[in-house]
Protein backbone atom coordinates (compact mmCIF):
# COMPACT_ATOMS: atom_id res chain seq x y z
CA MET A 1 -42.23 -16.86 78.22
CA PRO A 2 -39.90 -18.70 76.29
CA THR A 3 -39.05 -18.35 72.66
CA PRO A 4 -39.92 -20.72 70.25
CA ILE A 5 -37.37 -21.45 67.67
CA THR A 6 -39.32 -23.78 64.92
CA ILE A 7 -42.66 -25.39 64.53
CA THR A 8 -42.83 -28.85 63.45
CA PRO A 9 -46.30 -29.94 61.93
CA ALA A 10 -47.36 -33.46 62.53
CA LEU A 11 -49.55 -34.43 59.55
CA MET A 12 -51.78 -37.83 58.72
CA ALA A 13 -50.44 -38.85 55.47
CA VAL A 14 -52.56 -41.35 52.76
CA ASP A 15 -49.80 -42.98 51.71
CA LEU A 16 -46.39 -42.71 53.38
CA ASP A 17 -44.28 -44.07 50.65
CA ALA A 18 -45.72 -41.68 48.00
CA THR A 19 -45.46 -38.86 50.70
CA ILE A 20 -41.60 -39.65 51.29
CA ALA A 21 -41.03 -39.93 47.66
CA PHE A 22 -42.52 -36.52 46.77
CA TYR A 23 -40.87 -34.67 49.45
CA THR A 24 -37.61 -36.10 49.09
CA GLY A 25 -37.83 -36.72 45.42
CA GLU A 26 -39.69 -33.15 44.41
CA LEU A 27 -38.31 -31.02 47.06
CA GLY A 28 -35.17 -32.16 48.25
CA PHE A 29 -36.07 -33.36 51.71
CA THR A 30 -34.23 -36.21 53.78
CA VAL A 31 -35.63 -38.79 56.04
CA ALA A 32 -34.32 -38.06 59.00
CA SER A 33 -36.58 -40.91 60.92
CA LEU A 34 -38.69 -43.62 60.06
CA TRP A 35 -40.94 -45.67 62.63
CA PRO A 36 -41.28 -48.64 62.93
CA ARG A 37 -38.01 -49.37 60.85
CA GLU A 38 -39.81 -52.70 59.44
CA ALA A 39 -43.19 -51.25 58.47
CA PRO A 40 -42.97 -47.65 59.12
CA THR A 41 -46.17 -45.70 59.72
CA PHE A 42 -44.34 -42.35 60.76
CA CYS A 43 -41.57 -40.25 59.19
CA ILE A 44 -39.88 -37.11 60.22
CA LEU A 45 -38.81 -35.52 56.96
CA ASP A 46 -35.84 -32.28 57.31
CA HIS A 47 -34.87 -29.78 54.77
CA GLY A 48 -32.37 -27.45 56.94
CA PRO A 49 -34.18 -26.11 59.70
CA THR A 50 -37.70 -27.10 57.89
CA HIS A 51 -39.53 -30.27 59.43
CA LEU A 52 -42.40 -32.00 58.81
CA MET A 53 -43.85 -35.11 60.53
CA PHE A 54 -46.18 -37.64 58.71
CA HIS A 55 -48.02 -40.56 59.86
CA THR A 56 -50.66 -43.09 58.47
CA GLU A 57 -51.68 -44.12 61.87
CA PRO A 58 -54.19 -42.01 64.11
CA TYR A 59 -53.26 -40.68 67.44
CA GLU A 60 -54.90 -38.69 70.15
CA ALA A 61 -56.90 -35.90 68.55
CA ALA A 62 -55.69 -37.24 64.87
CA GLU A 63 -58.20 -39.05 63.85
CA GLY A 64 -59.53 -39.45 60.64
CA PRO A 65 -58.43 -38.84 56.65
CA PRO A 66 -55.66 -35.91 56.13
CA LEU A 67 -57.62 -32.60 56.87
CA MET A 68 -56.44 -29.12 57.07
CA THR A 69 -58.22 -25.99 56.02
CA GLY A 70 -54.97 -23.65 56.06
CA GLN A 71 -52.03 -24.28 53.75
CA LEU A 72 -48.07 -24.71 54.68
CA HIS A 73 -45.93 -21.72 53.52
CA ILE A 74 -42.60 -22.89 52.74
CA ASP A 75 -40.12 -20.04 52.35
CA LEU A 76 -37.27 -20.17 49.98
CA GLU A 77 -34.19 -18.33 50.10
CA ASP A 78 -34.41 -18.15 46.45
CA GLY A 79 -35.35 -20.44 43.27
CA VAL A 80 -39.48 -20.40 43.00
CA MET A 81 -39.18 -19.86 39.57
CA GLU A 82 -36.83 -22.90 38.96
CA LEU A 83 -39.04 -25.12 41.10
CA PHE A 84 -42.46 -24.01 39.78
CA GLU A 85 -40.86 -24.87 36.37
CA ARG A 86 -39.68 -28.38 37.72
CA LEU A 87 -42.97 -29.01 39.27
CA LYS A 88 -45.73 -27.53 36.66
CA ASP A 89 -46.07 -30.11 34.29
CA HIS A 90 -46.28 -33.15 37.05
CA HIS A 91 -48.41 -31.13 39.78
CA GLU A 92 -51.43 -29.36 39.55
CA ILE A 93 -50.70 -25.41 40.06
CA LEU A 94 -53.39 -23.90 42.15
CA TRP A 95 -52.41 -20.31 41.48
CA GLY A 96 -49.31 -18.39 40.64
CA PRO A 97 -46.58 -17.60 40.17
CA GLU A 98 -47.30 -14.16 41.13
CA VAL A 99 -45.56 -11.37 42.57
CA TYR A 100 -47.76 -9.60 45.38
CA SER A 101 -47.47 -6.15 46.74
CA TYR A 102 -45.80 -7.56 50.06
CA GLY A 103 -42.96 -8.34 48.15
CA ARG A 104 -43.05 -12.09 47.81
CA ARG A 105 -43.38 -14.12 44.43
CA GLU A 106 -45.28 -17.36 45.47
CA PHE A 107 -47.35 -20.30 43.57
CA SER A 108 -49.06 -22.91 45.15
CA ILE A 109 -49.72 -26.91 44.51
CA ARG A 110 -51.20 -29.91 46.86
CA ASP A 111 -48.76 -32.70 48.06
CA PRO A 112 -49.81 -36.32 47.65
CA ASN A 113 -52.32 -35.77 50.78
CA GLY A 114 -54.05 -32.62 49.75
CA TYR A 115 -52.37 -30.54 51.65
CA ARG A 116 -51.76 -26.88 49.95
CA LEU A 117 -48.38 -25.74 50.12
CA VAL A 118 -47.39 -22.36 49.11
CA PHE A 119 -43.62 -21.61 47.86
CA SER A 120 -42.72 -18.18 48.62
CA GLU A 121 -39.56 -16.06 48.06
CA GLN A 122 -38.69 -12.11 48.96
CA THR A 123 -38.57 -10.19 45.80
CA ASN A 124 -38.26 -6.41 44.85
CA GLU A 125 -39.88 -7.09 41.41
CA LYS A 126 -43.20 -5.16 40.35
CA PRO A 127 -46.12 -6.94 41.76
CA THR A 128 -48.19 -8.70 38.99
CA CYS A 129 -51.47 -8.89 41.14
CA VAL A 130 -52.96 -7.14 44.22
């Protein structure tokens, strides 16, 4: 079997402009693509090897409002606490930051579409929870 090199979620967006503003302004992503150019309903956002697609018009099996029962984990090389400090006064913190027994510091928020994002970094610090 061929080895996957990446996975890129294609997610529904309630408001494409607000989604782009959040991911570029708050998280440092860049806009790699907008389509159609004159009135975009689709975008690809990049941050290094991390890519996210958002669209406002349903296609194929992606009908209905934004919905995901899981969460997106965004692993950082470092800087989870710096990001937490930058976001905490403007976004509801769902949980964290905590250091877990599996050696990760993590916290969670929701993006403008309601998707749960978990920011995580490796740490050797003592766990603060189970």
